[in-house]
Protein backbone atom coordinates (compact mmCIF):
# COMPACT_ATOMS: atom_id res chain seq x y z
CA UNK A 1 -35.66 68.27 -42.70
CA UNK A 2 -31.91 67.62 -42.53
CA UNK A 3 -32.35 65.60 -39.33
CA UNK A 4 -34.94 63.37 -40.99
CA UNK A 5 -32.70 62.84 -43.98
CA UNK A 6 -29.76 61.81 -41.76
CA UNK A 7 -31.99 59.43 -39.86
CA UNK A 8 -33.14 57.71 -43.04
CA UNK A 9 -29.54 57.35 -44.24
CA UNK A 10 -28.53 55.75 -40.92
CA UNK A 11 -31.43 53.27 -41.14
CA UNK A 12 -30.44 52.41 -44.68
CA UNK A 13 -26.83 51.71 -43.65
CA UNK A 14 -27.94 49.53 -40.76
CA UNK A 15 -30.25 47.60 -43.05
CA UNK A 16 -27.41 46.96 -45.49
CA UNK A 17 -25.10 45.83 -42.63
CA UNK A 18 -27.55 43.39 -41.05
CA UNK A 19 -28.63 42.13 -44.47
CA UNK A 20 -25.02 41.29 -45.30
CA UNK A 21 -24.51 39.40 -42.04
CA UNK A 22 -27.64 37.28 -42.37
CA UNK A 23 -27.00 36.70 -46.03
CA UNK A 24 -23.49 35.38 -45.28
CA UNK A 25 -24.81 32.95 -42.69
CA UNK A 26 -27.49 31.75 -45.08
CA UNK A 27 -24.94 31.09 -47.82
CA UNK A 28 -22.81 29.04 -45.38
CA UNK A 29 -25.76 26.89 -44.24
CA UNK A 30 -26.83 26.00 -47.79
CA UNK A 31 -23.93 23.53 -48.42
CA UNK A 32 -24.43 22.00 -44.99
CA UNK A 33 -28.13 21.49 -45.61
CA UNK A 34 -27.42 20.07 -49.07
CA UNK A 35 -24.94 17.63 -47.55
CA UNK A 36 -27.52 16.55 -44.98
CA UNK A 37 -29.87 15.34 -47.69
CA UNK A 38 -27.62 12.26 -48.08
CA UNK A 39 -28.32 11.05 -44.49
CA UNK A 40 -26.07 10.89 -41.38
CA UNK A 41 -22.34 10.71 -41.95
CA UNK A 42 -20.58 7.45 -40.91
CA UNK A 43 -18.64 7.53 -37.62
CA UNK A 44 -15.16 6.03 -37.55
CA UNK A 45 -14.97 3.86 -34.39
CA UNK A 46 -12.79 1.24 -32.71
CA UNK A 47 -14.38 -2.20 -32.53
CA UNK A 48 -14.38 -4.58 -29.56
CA UNK A 49 -15.87 -8.04 -29.13
CA UNK A 50 -17.79 -9.51 -26.20
CA UNK A 51 -15.49 -12.19 -24.79
CA UNK A 52 -16.02 -15.04 -22.35
CA UNK A 53 -13.39 -15.27 -19.58
CA UNK A 54 -12.83 -17.29 -16.41
CA UNK A 55 -12.57 -14.86 -13.53
CA UNK A 56 -11.32 -15.95 -10.14
CA UNK A 57 -13.57 -14.75 -7.35
CA UNK A 58 -11.97 -11.91 -5.40
CA UNK A 59 -12.62 -9.29 -2.76
CA UNK A 60 -11.04 -5.86 -3.03
CA UNK A 61 -9.99 -3.57 -0.21
CA UNK A 62 -7.44 -0.94 0.75
CA UNK A 63 -4.99 -1.03 3.62
CA UNK A 64 -1.49 -0.21 4.81
CA UNK A 65 1.82 -2.00 4.97
CA UNK A 66 3.15 -2.66 8.48
CA UNK A 67 6.54 -3.81 9.75
CA UNK A 68 6.63 -7.25 11.36
CA UNK A 69 8.57 -5.82 14.34
CA UNK A 70 9.15 -2.18 15.28
CA UNK A 71 11.11 -0.94 18.28
CA UNK A 72 12.51 2.38 19.39
CA UNK A 73 16.01 1.41 20.55
CA UNK A 74 16.76 3.07 23.90
CA UNK A 75 19.00 2.72 26.94
CA UNK A 76 18.20 1.26 30.35
CA UNK A 77 20.93 3.16 32.18
CA UNK A 78 22.21 6.73 32.06
CA UNK A 79 25.56 7.64 30.60
CA UNK A 80 27.64 9.64 28.14
CA UNK A 81 27.79 8.33 24.56
CA UNK A 82 31.31 7.10 23.87
CA UNK A 83 30.85 5.81 20.32
CA UNK A 84 28.13 5.25 17.71
CA UNK A 85 28.55 2.19 15.49
CA UNK A 86 25.71 2.61 12.96
CA UNK A 87 24.55 4.84 10.13
CA UNK A 88 21.02 6.06 9.55
CA UNK A 89 19.07 3.70 7.29
CA UNK A 90 21.58 0.86 7.60
CA UNK A 91 20.59 -2.82 7.66
CA UNK A 92 21.72 -4.62 10.83
CA UNK A 93 21.60 -8.14 12.23
CA UNK A 94 20.57 -9.24 15.69
CA UNK A 95 23.41 -8.63 18.17
CA UNK A 96 25.20 -5.93 16.16
CA UNK A 97 26.56 -3.15 18.37
CA UNK A 98 24.77 0.14 17.79
CA UNK A 99 26.07 2.41 20.55
CA UNK A 100 28.44 2.33 23.55
CA UNK A 101 28.22 4.48 26.67
CA UNK A 102 31.26 5.51 28.69
CA UNK A 103 32.21 2.67 31.08
CA UNK A 104 35.28 4.11 32.82
CA UNK A 105 33.73 4.49 36.29
CA UNK A 106 31.81 1.21 36.01
CA UNK A 107 34.97 -0.66 35.03
CA UNK A 108 36.82 0.76 38.06
CA UNK A 109 34.01 -0.35 40.34
CA UNK A 110 34.15 -3.80 38.76
CA UNK A 111 37.88 -4.05 39.50
CA UNK A 112 37.18 -3.22 43.16
CA UNK A 113 34.41 -5.79 43.38
CA UNK A 114 36.66 -8.43 41.84
CA UNK A 115 39.29 -7.76 44.52
CA UNK A 116 36.66 -8.09 47.25
CA UNK A 117 35.43 -11.33 45.69
CA UNK A 118 38.99 -12.71 45.59
CA UNK A 119 39.49 -11.83 49.25
CA UNK A 120 36.19 -13.51 50.14
CA UNK A 121 37.28 -16.62 48.24
CA UNK A 122 40.61 -16.77 50.16
CA UNK A 123 38.81 -16.37 53.48
CA UNK A 124 36.33 -19.09 52.50
CA UNK A 125 39.13 -21.55 51.66
CA UNK A 126 40.81 -20.75 54.97
CA UNK A 127 37.52 -21.28 56.76
CA UNK A 128 37.19 -24.69 55.06
CA UNK A 129 40.60 -25.75 56.38
CA UNK A 130 39.84 -24.48 59.88
CA UNK A 131 36.47 -26.18 59.90
CA UNK A 132 38.12 -29.53 59.11
CA UNK A 133 40.47 -28.92 62.04
CA UNK A 134 37.47 -27.89 64.17
CA UNK A 135 39.17 -24.55 64.83
CA UNK A 136 36.02 -22.54 63.94
CA UNK A 137 32.35 -23.16 64.37
CA UNK A 138 29.91 -24.07 61.61
CA UNK A 139 28.28 -20.64 61.83
CA UNK A 140 31.60 -18.91 61.18
CA UNK A 141 32.12 -21.12 58.12
CA UNK A 142 28.60 -20.28 56.87
CA UNK A 143 29.34 -16.57 57.25
CA UNK A 144 32.50 -16.93 55.14
CA UNK A 145 30.58 -18.76 52.44
CA UNK A 146 27.84 -16.10 52.47
CA UNK A 147 30.42 -13.30 52.09
CA UNK A 148 31.91 -15.15 49.09
CA UNK A 149 28.50 -15.63 47.46
CA UNK A 150 27.65 -11.97 48.01
CA UNK A 151 30.96 -10.79 46.53
CA UNK A 152 30.52 -13.03 43.45
CA UNK A 153 26.94 -11.74 42.97
CA UNK A 154 28.18 -8.13 43.19
CA UNK A 155 30.71 -8.84 40.41
CA UNK A 156 28.01 -10.36 38.23
CA UNK A 157 25.69 -7.43 38.85
CA UNK A 158 28.38 -4.91 37.91
CA UNK A 159 29.22 -6.83 34.74
CA UNK A 160 25.53 -6.81 33.79
CA UNK A 161 25.42 -3.05 34.42
CA UNK A 162 28.42 -2.57 32.15
CA UNK A 163 26.74 -4.78 29.54
CA UNK A 164 23.73 -2.45 29.58
CA UNK A 165 25.99 0.33 28.37
CA UNK A 166 26.57 -1.47 25.08
CA UNK A 167 23.36 -1.15 23.02
CA UNK A 168 22.84 -3.92 20.43
CA UNK A 169 20.19 -4.66 17.78
CA UNK A 170 17.48 -6.95 19.20
CA UNK A 171 16.62 -8.44 15.77
CA UNK A 172 17.48 -8.23 12.08
CA UNK A 173 16.09 -5.13 10.42
CA UNK A 174 16.59 -1.68 8.96
CA UNK A 175 17.44 1.33 11.10
CA UNK A 176 15.73 4.69 10.86
CA UNK A 177 17.25 8.13 11.42
CA UNK A 178 19.85 8.57 14.17
CA UNK A 179 18.59 10.79 17.02
CA UNK A 180 21.77 11.08 19.14
CA UNK A 181 25.34 12.32 18.82
CA UNK A 182 28.70 11.29 20.35
CA UNK A 183 29.31 12.89 23.77
CA UNK A 184 25.60 13.35 24.42
CA UNK A 185 24.21 12.47 27.85
CA UNK A 186 21.48 9.85 27.68
CA UNK A 187 18.91 9.43 30.41
CA UNK A 188 17.27 6.01 30.88
CA UNK A 189 14.62 5.45 28.19
CA UNK A 190 16.03 7.97 25.72
CA UNK A 191 15.31 7.08 22.07
CA UNK A 192 18.41 6.34 20.02
CA UNK A 193 17.06 5.04 16.68
CA UNK A 194 14.06 3.13 15.36
CA UNK A 195 14.58 -0.45 14.15
CA UNK A 196 12.06 -2.20 11.88
CA UNK A 197 11.92 -5.72 10.53
CA UNK A 198 10.57 -5.37 6.96
CA UNK A 199 11.31 -8.81 5.50
CA UNK A 200 8.72 -10.20 5.47
CA UNK A 201 6.21 -7.35 5.74
CA UNK A 202 2.53 -7.24 6.73
CA UNK A 203 -0.37 -5.89 4.68
CA UNK A 204 -3.26 -5.00 7.01
CA UNK A 205 -6.74 -4.39 5.61
CA UNK A 206 -10.42 -4.75 6.46
CA UNK A 207 -13.41 -6.38 4.78
CA UNK A 208 -17.14 -6.11 5.53
CA UNK A 209 -18.42 -8.71 7.96
CA UNK A 210 -20.58 -10.37 5.26
CA UNK A 211 -17.36 -11.65 3.67
CA UNK A 212 -16.14 -13.29 6.89
CA UNK A 213 -17.06 -16.84 5.73
CA UNK A 214 -14.87 -16.33 2.64
CA UNK A 215 -11.69 -15.47 4.59
CA UNK A 216 -9.23 -18.07 5.84
CA UNK A 217 -5.52 -18.42 6.51
CA UNK A 218 -3.45 -19.36 3.49
CA UNK A 219 -5.55 -17.47 0.93
CA UNK A 220 -3.53 -15.66 -1.73
CA UNK A 221 -3.58 -11.88 -1.95
CA UNK A 222 -2.34 -9.44 -4.58
CA UNK A 223 -1.04 -6.08 -3.40
CA UNK A 224 -0.52 -2.97 -5.52
CA UNK A 225 1.09 0.28 -4.36
CA UNK A 226 1.32 3.77 -5.85
CA UNK A 227 5.13 3.60 -5.86
CA UNK A 228 5.51 0.56 -8.13
CA UNK A 229 3.71 -0.89 -11.14
CA UNK A 230 4.53 -4.41 -9.94
CA UNK A 231 1.99 -6.69 -8.29
CA UNK A 232 3.20 -8.20 -5.01
CA UNK A 233 1.75 -11.50 -3.80
CA UNK A 234 1.35 -12.91 -0.32
CA UNK A 235 -0.91 -15.03 1.85
CA UNK A 236 -3.38 -14.39 4.65
CA UNK A 237 -1.74 -15.26 7.97
CA UNK A 238 -4.15 -13.86 10.56
CA UNK A 239 -7.81 -12.85 10.88
CA UNK A 240 -9.02 -10.73 13.79
CA UNK A 241 -11.46 -12.83 15.87
CA UNK A 242 -13.65 -9.80 16.60
CA UNK A 243 -15.80 -7.76 14.22
CA UNK A 244 -15.67 -4.00 14.80
CA UNK A 245 -18.96 -2.85 16.33
CA UNK A 246 -18.43 0.60 14.79
CA UNK A 247 -17.61 -0.27 11.16
CA UNK A 248 -18.98 -3.86 11.09
CA UNK A 249 -15.78 -4.97 9.40
CA UNK A 250 -13.15 -7.58 10.17
CA UNK A 251 -9.40 -6.91 10.20
CA UNK A 252 -7.20 -9.19 8.08
CA UNK A 253 -3.41 -9.48 7.94
CA UNK A 254 -1.43 -10.87 4.99
CA UNK A 255 2.31 -11.56 4.90
CA UNK A 256 4.45 -10.69 1.88
CA UNK A 257 8.07 -11.52 1.08
CA UNK A 258 10.18 -8.35 0.86
CA UNK A 259 13.78 -9.46 0.39
CA UNK A 260 14.60 -6.48 -1.86
CA UNK A 261 13.17 -4.01 0.66
CA UNK A 262 11.03 -2.18 -1.89
CA UNK A 263 7.93 -2.33 0.27
CA UNK A 264 8.06 0.02 3.26
CA UNK A 265 5.86 0.33 6.36
CA UNK A 266 3.15 2.96 6.02
CA UNK A 267 2.65 2.51 2.26
CA UNK A 268 -0.93 2.71 0.99
CA UNK A 269 -1.93 -0.64 -0.53
CA UNK A 270 -4.74 -1.77 -2.85
CA UNK A 271 -5.43 -5.39 -1.98
CA UNK A 272 -7.22 -8.21 -3.74
CA UNK A 273 -8.18 -11.29 -1.74
CA UNK A 274 -8.42 -14.20 -4.21
CA UNK A 275 -10.93 -17.01 -3.76
CA UNK A 276 -10.36 -20.61 -4.78
CA UNK A 277 -13.35 -20.87 -7.13
CA UNK A 278 -13.72 -19.35 -10.63
CA UNK A 279 -16.74 -18.32 -12.69
CA UNK A 280 -17.30 -17.80 -16.40
CA UNK A 281 -18.26 -14.22 -17.33
CA UNK A 282 -18.83 -12.11 -20.44
CA UNK A 283 -16.64 -9.01 -20.59
CA UNK A 284 -16.12 -5.91 -22.73
CA UNK A 285 -13.60 -3.07 -22.42
CA UNK A 286 -14.37 -0.38 -19.87
CA UNK A 287 -14.33 2.21 -22.68
CA UNK A 288 -17.24 0.42 -24.37
CA UNK A 289 -19.65 1.15 -21.50
CA UNK A 290 -21.56 4.38 -20.98
CA UNK A 291 -22.55 4.63 -17.32
CA UNK A 292 -25.81 6.52 -17.00
CA UNK A 293 -28.16 7.45 -14.18
CA UNK A 294 -30.98 5.63 -15.96
CA UNK A 295 -28.91 2.53 -16.72
CA UNK A 296 -25.69 1.51 -18.43
CA UNK A 297 -25.61 0.98 -22.16
CA UNK A 298 -23.28 0.02 -25.01
CA UNK A 299 -23.37 0.56 -28.76
CA UNK A 300 -23.65 -2.75 -30.60
CA UNK A 301 -22.47 -2.90 -34.21
CA UNK A 302 -24.93 -4.74 -36.49
CA UNK A 303 -25.35 -5.28 -40.22
CA UNK A 304 -27.82 -2.86 -41.80
CA UNK A 305 -29.22 -2.58 -45.32
CA UNK A 306 -26.36 -0.30 -46.38
CA UNK A 307 -23.58 -1.62 -44.15
CA UNK A 308 -22.64 -1.46 -40.48
CA UNK A 309 -24.82 0.63 -38.15
CA UNK A 310 -24.84 1.28 -34.41
CA UNK A 311 -27.54 0.01 -32.08
CA UNK A 312 -27.98 1.17 -28.50
CA UNK A 313 -28.26 -1.75 -26.06
CA UNK A 314 -29.19 -1.47 -22.40
CA UNK A 315 -26.87 -3.69 -20.34
CA UNK A 316 -26.39 -4.74 -16.74
CA UNK A 317 -22.79 -4.55 -15.59
CA UNK A 318 -20.99 -6.36 -12.80
CA UNK A 319 -17.42 -6.45 -11.56
CA UNK A 320 -14.62 -4.36 -13.09
CA UNK A 321 -11.17 -5.89 -13.43
CA UNK A 322 -8.05 -4.77 -15.29
CA UNK A 323 -9.99 -2.38 -17.50
CA UNK A 324 -12.68 -4.91 -18.48
CA UNK A 325 -16.30 -4.91 -17.29
CA UNK A 326 -18.48 -7.91 -16.61
CA UNK A 327 -21.70 -7.93 -18.68
CA UNK A 328 -24.44 -9.63 -16.69
CA UNK A 329 -27.16 -9.19 -19.34
CA UNK A 330 -27.87 -7.37 -22.58
CA UNK A 331 -25.10 -8.77 -24.79
CA UNK A 332 -24.08 -12.20 -26.06
CA UNK A 333 -20.69 -13.75 -26.60
CA UNK A 334 -19.20 -12.63 -29.92
CA UNK A 335 -21.29 -9.45 -30.23
CA UNK A 336 -19.43 -6.54 -31.79
CA UNK A 337 -19.56 -3.25 -29.87
CA UNK A 338 -18.07 0.20 -30.16
CA UNK A 339 -14.92 -0.13 -28.08
CA UNK A 340 -14.03 3.57 -28.04
CA UNK A 341 -15.55 6.80 -29.27
CA UNK A 342 -19.05 6.45 -27.80
CA UNK A 343 -19.54 10.22 -27.58
CA UNK A 344 -19.55 10.60 -31.37
CA UNK A 345 -21.92 7.70 -32.14
CA UNK A 346 -25.74 7.91 -32.19
CA UNK A 347 -28.18 5.01 -32.43
CA UNK A 348 -28.80 4.02 -36.03
CA UNK A 349 -25.76 5.89 -37.33
CA UNK A 350 -23.56 4.19 -39.95
CA UNK A 351 -20.10 3.27 -38.66
CA UNK A 352 -16.77 2.37 -40.16
CA UNK A 353 -14.20 0.27 -38.32
CA UNK A 354 -10.82 1.80 -37.52
CA UNK A 355 -8.41 -1.14 -37.67
CA UNK A 356 -5.37 1.00 -36.90
CA UNK A 357 -6.22 1.36 -33.23
CA UNK A 358 -7.00 -1.24 -30.57
CA UNK A 359 -8.40 -0.30 -27.12
CA UNK A 360 -6.16 -1.21 -24.20
CA UNK A 361 -8.43 -2.21 -21.28
CA UNK A 362 -5.48 -2.48 -18.88
CA UNK A 363 -4.89 1.26 -19.27
CA UNK A 364 -8.29 1.95 -17.70
CA UNK A 365 -8.74 1.21 -13.99
CA UNK A 366 -12.07 1.06 -12.25
CA UNK A 367 -15.20 2.92 -13.17
C-alpha cells in the first residue's frame, strides 16, 4: 500500500515537471508565431549593379623566377687561401676580385723563368751577330731562336698560372653565402660562392598547347608574388620550340626589370599573359555569386508590390578577375543584385539596402 502511494506521488511530480517544461516552450513560441503572421522579415543586404567593362584577353599560369645567369664560383688550380675580398650577399661587378690563393712558390718560379728567358734572349742576340759574320750555321741560329721562344712561352704560362690564383667575378650580380675561410686548402673545382645575375630576372611558366597560337615574343605579362602586393610587369622573350609530350604544355620565358633586387630566384609567381585584343563583358562582384553543383545563381533585386524583393536568377559565369566575375547569361546591364549576404536571403523575401557598406571585389581573389 505504501509502495503504491509513493509510486503515484513520483508520477505526479514527473507530470508536473514535464508539464512545466512543455508549457514554457509553448509560451515562448506564441510570440514568434504571432510575429510570423505579418509575413517574412526584410533582409538588410548590400547592393551591387551589373556593370559592363572592357576586359583585355589574358591567360593565367603559375611559374618560378629564375636568375639570368647563375654560376658556382670555383678555382681551377689548387692552393691555400691567402685572402677573401667579398662578403656574403654582396653585389659585385664583373672583374672584381673575390679571393686570392697563396702565390709565393709560383712567383719564385716565375722569377727563375724570367732569368732563363733573359739568358735565352742574350744568346739569341749573340747568335744573330755571329750569323751575320758567318761564324755559326743557320741551324745553330734556329736553335737559339727556339730556346728564346720556349723561355718566353714558359714565362707566359707561369704568369697565367699565377693569374688563376686570383678569382674574380665573371659578371655583375649578387653573391650568395661564403663557403670557404682564409687559410683553407682548395682543391681544383672547389665551390667558393654562388653568383647570380638578378637584374633583369626571368619568369618561367607553362601554358597548355592549345594556347600556343596566342603566344609570341614581346607580349606583356603581369607577375604577382606572395612576398609583395605589387604587380611586376615584363615581356615574353622566349618560347620553347617543343611541346612537352608528357604534359602537352609549352614553356614560356618572360623578362622583368629588377633594379631594386626585390625579386629573387626561386620565388613562386602567379603570371598573367595579356593579349592585344579586348572584349566587352558584364561583371558582378564575386560575393554576389553562389556557386552550386546544379548551376550558379545570383539574387536580383526587383520592385514588388510592397517594395524591394529578392529574385533568384540562374546565371552562367565566365572568367574571374580582381574579385569580379564575368556574367555570360542570366543578367542584363544595370540589374541590381545582392552584392553580399546571400546566405540570409531567400527568393521572394523583402530586402532593404544597406548604404553604409560597399563590397570590395578586389579583396576577393578567384573562386
